[in-house]
Amino acid sequence: MPAPATKPGKQRANLRRLVAAHSELVLALDQLYPSLPPSLDDSERLVWAKAGERRLVDHLLTLLRESNERGNLLED
């Protein structure tokens, strides 16, 4: 049986709380997957894989910034 659907705003709030609780992990991922231009030696597949990794890190960083801007990291 599928999980009940939640509203997008509620999902984002839940993700913000999760990211705020694990901010050290998000910052470590930012270091592990830096935003760098692709190497000319990288295959197209590797370029896309790295872009996907970085896109996820950027999204997590955005959620972390939103949490910090709210000032109350674990409440909505």
PDB file of N, CA and C in Angstrom:
ATOM      1  N   MET A   1       0.846  -1.185   0.000  1.00  0.00           N
ATOM      2  CA  MET A   1       0.000   0.000   0.000  1.00  0.00           C
ATOM      3  C   MET A   1       0.888   1.243   0.000  1.00  0.00           C
ATOM      4  N   PRO A   2       0.689   2.163  -0.947  1.00  0.00           N
ATOM      5  CA  PRO A   2       1.531   3.363  -1.017  1.00  0.00           C
ATOM      6  C   PRO A   2       1.301   4.282   0.175  1.00  0.00           C
ATOM      7  N   ALA A   3       2.349   5.036   0.500  1.00  0.00           N
ATOM      8  CA  ALA A   3       2.250   6.009   1.590  1.00  0.00           C
ATOM      9  C   ALA A   3       1.309   7.128   1.179  1.00  0.00           C
ATOM     10  N   PRO A   4       0.598   7.714   2.145  1.00  0.00           N
ATOM     11  CA  PRO A   4      -0.293   8.822   1.790  1.00  0.00           C
ATOM     12  C   PRO A   4       0.498  10.007   1.261  1.00  0.00           C
ATOM     13  N   ALA A   5      -0.074  10.656   0.273  1.00  0.00           N
ATOM     14  CA  ALA A   5       0.591  11.813  -0.345  1.00  0.00           C
ATOM     15  C   ALA A   5       0.585  12.990   0.626  1.00  0.00           C
ATOM     16  N   THR A   6       1.685  13.737   0.619  1.00  0.00           N
ATOM     17  CA  THR A   6       1.748  14.950   1.434  1.00  0.00           C
ATOM     18  C   THR A   6       1.860  16.140   0.501  1.00  0.00           C
ATOM     19  N   LYS A   7       1.451  17.281   1.005  1.00  0.00           N
ATOM     20  CA  LYS A   7       1.499  18.503   0.210  1.00  0.00           C
ATOM     21  C   LYS A   7       2.948  18.916  -0.017  1.00  0.00           C
ATOM     22  N   PRO A   8       3.246  19.502  -1.191  1.00  0.00           N
ATOM     23  CA  PRO A   8       4.629  19.914  -1.481  1.00  0.00           C
ATOM     24  C   PRO A   8       5.213  20.841  -0.418  1.00  0.00           C
ATOM     25  N   GLY A   9       4.443  21.758   0.113  1.00  0.00           N
ATOM     26  CA  GLY A   9       4.939  22.664   1.150  1.00  0.00           C
ATOM     27  C   GLY A   9       5.326  21.914   2.410  1.00  0.00           C
ATOM     28  N   LYS A  10       4.540  20.913   2.746  1.00  0.00           N
ATOM     29  CA  LYS A  10       4.824  20.079   3.926  1.00  0.00           C
ATOM     30  C   LYS A  10       6.078  19.248   3.682  1.00  0.00           C
ATOM     31  N   GLN A  11       6.219  18.718   2.472  1.00  0.00           N
ATOM     32  CA  GLN A  11       7.418  17.940   2.139  1.00  0.00           C
ATOM     33  C   GLN A  11       8.665  18.809   2.263  1.00  0.00           C
ATOM     34  N   ARG A  12       8.590  20.027   1.768  1.00  0.00           N
ATOM     35  CA  ARG A  12       9.742  20.923   1.832  1.00  0.00           C
ATOM     36  C   ARG A  12      10.078  21.257   3.282  1.00  0.00           C
ATOM     37  N   ALA A  13       9.067  21.481   4.104  1.00  0.00           N
ATOM     38  CA  ALA A  13       9.302  21.765   5.520  1.00  0.00           C
ATOM     39  C   ALA A  13       9.951  20.562   6.199  1.00  0.00           C
ATOM     40  N   ASN A  14       9.484  19.363   5.875  1.00  0.00           N
ATOM     41  CA  ASN A  14      10.079  18.152   6.447  1.00  0.00           C
ATOM     42  C   ASN A  14      11.535  18.010   6.014  1.00  0.00           C
ATOM     43  N   LEU A  15      11.814  18.295   4.749  1.00  0.00           N
ATOM     44  CA  LEU A  15      13.194  18.218   4.256  1.00  0.00           C
ATOM     45  C   LEU A  15      14.078  19.264   4.926  1.00  0.00           C
ATOM     46  N   ARG A  16      13.550  20.476   5.124  1.00  0.00           N
ATOM     47  CA  ARG A  16      14.326  21.513   5.811  1.00  0.00           C
ATOM     48  C   ARG A  16      14.709  21.073   7.208  1.00  0.00           C
ATOM     49  N   ARG A  17      13.760  20.469   7.931  1.00  0.00           N
ATOM     50  CA  ARG A  17      14.050  19.988   9.290  1.00  0.00           C
ATOM     51  C   ARG A  17      15.115  18.905   9.263  1.00  0.00           C
ATOM     52  N   LEU A  18      15.012  17.996   8.319  1.00  0.00           N
ATOM     53  CA  LEU A  18      15.976  16.902   8.209  1.00  0.00           C
ATOM     54  C   LEU A  18      17.366  17.433   7.875  1.00  0.00           C
ATOM     55  N   VAL A  19      17.435  18.348   6.925  1.00  0.00           N
ATOM     56  CA  VAL A  19      18.723  18.933   6.528  1.00  0.00           C
ATOM     57  C   VAL A  19      19.329  19.720   7.687  1.00  0.00           C
ATOM     58  N   ALA A  20      18.498  20.480   8.398  1.00  0.00           N
ATOM     59  CA  ALA A  20      18.999  21.264   9.530  1.00  0.00           C
ATOM     60  C   ALA A  20      19.570  20.351  10.609  1.00  0.00           C
ATOM     61  N   ALA A  21      18.924  19.223  10.824  1.00  0.00           N
ATOM     62  CA  ALA A  21      19.387  18.288  11.852  1.00  0.00           C
ATOM     63  C   ALA A  21      20.701  17.617  11.456  1.00  0.00           C
ATOM     64  N   HIS A  22      20.999  17.590  10.159  1.00  0.00           N
ATOM     65  CA  HIS A  22      22.206  16.926   9.661  1.00  0.00           C
ATOM     66  C   HIS A  22      23.062  17.895   8.845  1.00  0.00           C
ATOM     67  N   SER A  23      23.191  19.116   9.329  1.00  0.00           N
ATOM     68  CA  SER A  23      23.908  20.150   8.576  1.00  0.00           C
ATOM     69  C   SER A  23      25.377  19.787   8.349  1.00  0.00           C
ATOM     70  N   GLU A  24      25.996  19.093   9.296  1.00  0.00           N
ATOM     71  CA  GLU A  24      27.398  18.695   9.111  1.00  0.00           C
ATOM     72  C   GLU A  24      27.550  17.774   7.908  1.00  0.00           C
ATOM     73  N   LEU A  25      26.597  16.887   7.719  1.00  0.00           N
ATOM     74  CA  LEU A  25      26.630  15.992   6.561  1.00  0.00           C
ATOM     75  C   LEU A  25      26.499  16.788   5.264  1.00  0.00           C
ATOM     76  N   VAL A  26      25.589  17.753   5.236  1.00  0.00           N
ATOM     77  CA  VAL A  26      25.395  18.572   4.033  1.00  0.00           C
ATOM     78  C   VAL A  26      26.679  19.328   3.705  1.00  0.00           C
ATOM     79  N   LEU A  27      27.322  19.893   4.719  1.00  0.00           N
ATOM     80  CA  LEU A  27      28.563  20.637   4.487  1.00  0.00           C
ATOM     81  C   LEU A  27      29.691  19.699   4.044  1.00  0.00           C
ATOM     82  N   ALA A  28      29.710  18.477   4.568  1.00  0.00           N
ATOM     83  CA  ALA A  28      30.718  17.497   4.134  1.00  0.00           C
ATOM     84  C   ALA A  28      30.483  17.107   2.673  1.00  0.00           C
ATOM     85  N   LEU A  29      29.231  16.939   2.277  1.00  0.00           N
ATOM     86  CA  LEU A  29      28.915  16.622   0.876  1.00  0.00           C
ATOM     87  C   LEU A  29      29.318  17.760  -0.047  1.00  0.00           C
ATOM     88  N   ASP A  30      29.170  18.989   0.440  1.00  0.00           N
ATOM     89  CA  ASP A  30      29.587  20.155  -0.338  1.00  0.00           C
ATOM     90  C   ASP A  30      31.087  20.100  -0.612  1.00  0.00           C
ATOM     91  N   GLN A  31      31.860  19.646   0.354  1.00  0.00           N
ATOM     92  CA  GLN A  31      33.314  19.518   0.161  1.00  0.00           C
ATOM     93  C   GLN A  31      33.658  18.323  -0.729  1.00  0.00           C
ATOM     94  N   LEU A  32      32.913  17.233  -0.549  1.00  0.00           N
ATOM     95  CA  LEU A  32      33.184  16.007  -1.299  1.00  0.00           C
ATOM     96  C   LEU A  32      32.833  16.137  -2.785  1.00  0.00           C
ATOM     97  N   TYR A  33      31.762  16.883  -3.076  1.00  0.00           N
ATOM     98  CA  TYR A  33      31.297  17.070  -4.451  1.00  0.00           C
ATOM     99  C   TYR A  33      31.319  18.559  -4.787  1.00  0.00           C
ATOM    100  N   PRO A  34      32.502  19.131  -4.994  1.00  0.00           N
ATOM    101  CA  PRO A  34      32.596  20.580  -5.250  1.00  0.00           C
ATOM    102  C   PRO A  34      31.998  20.960  -6.607  1.00  0.00           C
ATOM    103  N   SER A  35      31.660  22.216  -6.718  1.00  0.00           N
ATOM    104  CA  SER A  35      31.129  22.745  -7.965  1.00  0.00           C
ATOM    105  C   SER A  35      32.309  23.133  -8.863  1.00  0.00           C
ATOM    106  N   LEU A  36      32.657  22.240  -9.751  1.00  0.00           N
ATOM    107  CA  LEU A  36      33.790  22.452 -10.657  1.00  0.00           C
ATOM    108  C   LEU A  36      33.352  22.238 -12.094  1.00  0.00           C
ATOM    109  N   PRO A  37      33.999  22.909 -13.032  1.00  0.00           N
ATOM    110  CA  PRO A  37      33.684  22.630 -14.441  1.00  0.00           C
ATOM    111  C   PRO A  37      34.178  21.228 -14.802  1.00  0.00           C
ATOM    112  N   PRO A  38      33.532  20.593 -15.752  1.00  0.00           N
ATOM    113  CA  PRO A  38      33.964  19.248 -16.141  1.00  0.00           C
ATOM    114  C   PRO A  38      35.344  19.260 -16.803  1.00  0.00           C
ATOM    115  N   SER A  39      36.031  18.161 -16.645  1.00  0.00           N
ATOM    116  CA  SER A  39      37.326  17.993 -17.297  1.00  0.00           C
ATOM    117  C   SER A  39      37.103  17.566 -18.745  1.00  0.00           C
ATOM    118  N   LEU A  40      37.975  17.986 -19.618  1.00  0.00           N
ATOM    119  CA  LEU A  40      37.881  17.565 -21.021  1.00  0.00           C
ATOM    120  C   LEU A  40      38.090  16.065 -21.175  1.00  0.00           C
ATOM    121  N   ASP A  41      38.715  15.448 -20.191  1.00  0.00           N
ATOM    122  CA  ASP A  41      38.961  14.005 -20.232  1.00  0.00           C
ATOM    123  C   ASP A  41      37.768  13.188 -19.746  1.00  0.00           C
ATOM    124  N   ASP A  42      36.776  13.823 -19.112  1.00  0.00           N
ATOM    125  CA  ASP A  42      35.615  13.102 -18.590  1.00  0.00           C
ATOM    126  C   ASP A  42      34.704  12.656 -19.722  1.00  0.00           C
ATOM    127  N   SER A  43      34.151  11.457 -19.569  1.00  0.00           N
ATOM    128  CA  SER A  43      33.157  10.985 -20.540  1.00  0.00           C
ATOM    129  C   SER A  43      31.860  11.763 -20.323  1.00  0.00           C
ATOM    130  N   GLU A  44      31.009  11.740 -21.322  1.00  0.00           N
ATOM    131  CA  GLU A  44      29.726  12.437 -21.204  1.00  0.00           C
ATOM    132  C   GLU A  44      28.931  11.878 -20.028  1.00  0.00           C
ATOM    133  N   ARG A  45      28.987  10.578 -19.864  1.00  0.00           N
ATOM    134  CA  ARG A  45      28.262   9.927 -18.760  1.00  0.00           C
ATOM    135  C   ARG A  45      28.767  10.437 -17.407  1.00  0.00           C
ATOM    136  N   LEU A  46      30.079  10.575 -17.255  1.00  0.00           N
ATOM    137  CA  LEU A  46      30.659  11.061 -16.003  1.00  0.00           C
ATOM    138  C   LEU A  46      30.286  12.516 -15.764  1.00  0.00           C
ATOM    139  N   VAL A  47      30.273  13.313 -16.816  1.00  0.00           N
ATOM    140  CA  VAL A  47      29.881  14.721 -16.689  1.00  0.00           C
ATOM    141  C   VAL A  47      28.456  14.811 -16.143  1.00  0.00           C
ATOM    142  N   TRP A  48      27.541  14.009 -16.700  1.00  0.00           N
ATOM    143  CA  TRP A  48      26.151  14.026 -16.235  1.00  0.00           C
ATOM    144  C   TRP A  48      26.035  13.509 -14.804  1.00  0.00           C
ATOM    145  N   ALA A  49      26.804  12.484 -14.459  1.00  0.00           N
ATOM    146  CA  ALA A  49      26.769  11.948 -13.097  1.00  0.00           C
ATOM    147  C   ALA A  49      27.236  13.004 -12.097  1.00  0.00           C
ATOM    148  N   LYS A  50      28.331  13.678 -12.419  1.00  0.00           N
ATOM    149  CA  LYS A  50      28.843  14.727 -11.525  1.00  0.00           C
ATOM    150  C   LYS A  50      27.861  15.891 -11.412  1.00  0.00           C
ATOM    151  N   ALA A  51      27.207  16.209 -12.518  1.00  0.00           N
ATOM    152  CA  ALA A  51      26.214  17.292 -12.495  1.00  0.00           C
ATOM    153  C   ALA A  51      25.050  16.915 -11.580  1.00  0.00           C
ATOM    154  N   GLY A  52      24.636  15.673 -11.620  1.00  0.00           N
ATOM    155  CA  GLY A  52      23.551  15.216 -10.754  1.00  0.00           C
ATOM    156  C   GLY A  52      23.946  15.235  -9.291  1.00  0.00           C
ATOM    157  N   GLU A  53      25.164  14.814  -9.004  1.00  0.00           N
ATOM    158  CA  GLU A  53      25.657  14.855  -7.622  1.00  0.00           C
ATOM    159  C   GLU A  53      25.616  16.283  -7.098  1.00  0.00           C
ATOM    160  N   ARG A  54      26.145  17.177  -7.906  1.00  0.00           N
ATOM    161  CA  ARG A  54      26.233  18.571  -7.471  1.00  0.00           C
ATOM    162  C   ARG A  54      24.854  19.200  -7.347  1.00  0.00           C
ATOM    163  N   ARG A  55      23.948  18.837  -8.244  1.00  0.00           N
ATOM    164  CA  ARG A  55      22.592  19.389  -8.177  1.00  0.00           C
ATOM    165  C   ARG A  55      21.933  19.017  -6.853  1.00  0.00           C
ATOM    166  N   LEU A  56      22.134  17.788  -6.411  1.00  0.00           N
ATOM    167  CA  LEU A  56      21.577  17.361  -5.132  1.00  0.00           C
ATOM    168  C   LEU A  56      22.195  18.162  -3.983  1.00  0.00           C
ATOM    169  N   VAL A  57      23.518  18.325  -4.001  1.00  0.00           N
ATOM    170  CA  VAL A  57      24.195  19.088  -2.950  1.00  0.00           C
ATOM    171  C   VAL A  57      23.687  20.529  -2.940  1.00  0.00           C
ATOM    172  N   ASP A  58      23.539  21.131  -4.106  1.00  0.00           N
ATOM    173  CA  ASP A  58      23.028  22.506  -4.184  1.00  0.00           C
ATOM    174  C   ASP A  58      21.622  22.607  -3.593  1.00  0.00           C
ATOM    175  N   HIS A  59      20.792  21.609  -3.855  1.00  0.00           N
ATOM    176  CA  HIS A  59      19.431  21.605  -3.315  1.00  0.00           C
ATOM    177  C   HIS A  59      19.470  21.492  -1.784  1.00  0.00           C
ATOM    178  N   LEU A  60      20.319  20.613  -1.270  1.00  0.00           N
ATOM    179  CA  LEU A  60      20.441  20.471   0.184  1.00  0.00           C
ATOM    180  C   LEU A  60      20.952  21.757   0.818  1.00  0.00           C
ATOM    181  N   LEU A  61      21.904  22.421   0.168  1.00  0.00           N
ATOM    182  CA  LEU A  61      22.413  23.693   0.685  1.00  0.00           C
ATOM    183  C   LEU A  61      21.325  24.771   0.689  1.00  0.00           C
ATOM    184  N   THR A  62      20.481  24.781  -0.321  1.00  0.00           N
ATOM    185  CA  THR A  62      19.363  25.727  -0.371  1.00  0.00           C
ATOM    186  C   THR A  62      18.412  25.481   0.793  1.00  0.00           C
ATOM    187  N   LEU A  63      18.091  24.221   1.046  1.00  0.00           N
ATOM    188  CA  LEU A  63      17.213  23.896   2.163  1.00  0.00           C
ATOM    189  C   LEU A  63      17.847  24.290   3.491  1.00  0.00           C
ATOM    190  N   LEU A  64      19.155  24.089   3.621  1.00  0.00           N
ATOM    191  CA  LEU A  64      19.857  24.466   4.848  1.00  0.00           C
ATOM    192  C   LEU A  64      19.820  25.982   5.050  1.00  0.00           C
ATOM    193  N   ARG A  65      20.042  26.741   3.959  1.00  0.00           N
ATOM    194  CA  ARG A  65      19.970  28.206   4.048  1.00  0.00           C
ATOM    195  C   ARG A  65      18.562  28.658   4.450  1.00  0.00           C
ATOM    196  N   GLU A  66      17.548  28.038   3.868  1.00  0.00           N
ATOM    197  CA  GLU A  66      16.167  28.374   4.219  1.00  0.00           C
ATOM    198  C   GLU A  66      15.922  28.115   5.699  1.00  0.00           C
ATOM    199  N   SER A  67      16.422  27.011   6.199  1.00  0.00           N
ATOM    200  CA  SER A  67      16.259  26.693   7.619  1.00  0.00           C
ATOM    201  C   SER A  67      16.946  27.722   8.491  1.00  0.00           C
ATOM    202  N   ASN A  68      18.153  28.095   8.102  1.00  0.00           N
ATOM    203  CA  ASN A  68      18.903  29.088   8.883  1.00  0.00           C
ATOM    204  C   ASN A  68      18.231  30.453   8.839  1.00  0.00           C
ATOM    205  N   GLU A  69      17.646  30.816   7.707  1.00  0.00           N
ATOM    206  CA  GLU A  69      16.964  32.104   7.582  1.00  0.00           C
ATOM    207  C   GLU A  69      15.731  32.172   8.471  1.00  0.00           C
ATOM    208  N   ARG A  70      15.090  31.049   8.683  1.00  0.00           N
ATOM    209  CA  ARG A  70      13.914  31.005   9.538  1.00  0.00           C
ATOM    210  C   ARG A  70      14.301  31.214  10.998  1.00  0.00           C
ATOM    211  N   GLY A  71      15.558  30.937  11.324  1.00  0.00           N
ATOM    212  CA  GLY A  71      16.027  31.160  12.673  1.00  0.00           C
ATOM    213  C   GLY A  71      15.629  30.072  13.649  1.00  0.00           C
ATOM    214  N   ASN A  72      14.625  29.343  13.330  1.00  0.00           N
ATOM    215  CA  ASN A  72      14.169  28.268  14.191  1.00  0.00           C
ATOM    216  C   ASN A  72      14.325  26.974  13.407  1.00  0.00           C
ATOM    217  N   LEU A  73      15.460  26.353  13.531  1.00  0.00           N
ATOM    218  CA  LEU A  73      15.834  25.263  12.632  1.00  0.00           C
ATOM    219  C   LEU A  73      14.886  24.084  12.643  1.00  0.00           C
ATOM    220  N   LEU A  74      14.300  23.754  13.749  1.00  0.00           N
ATOM    221  CA  LEU A  74      13.507  22.530  13.811  1.00  0.00           C
ATOM    222  C   LEU A  74      12.017  22.781  13.927  1.00  0.00           C
ATOM    223  N   GLU A  75      11.576  24.024  13.752  1.00  0.00           N
ATOM    224  CA  GLU A  75      10.151  24.313  13.819  1.00  0.00           C
ATOM    225  C   GLU A  75       9.697  24.997  12.542  1.00  0.00           C
ATOM    226  N   ASP A  76       8.426  24.853  12.261  1.00  0.00           N
ATOM    227  CA  ASP A  76       7.801  25.536  11.135  1.00  0.00           C
ATOM    228  C   ASP A  76       6.540  26.221  11.577  1.00  0.00           C
TER     229      ASP A  76
END
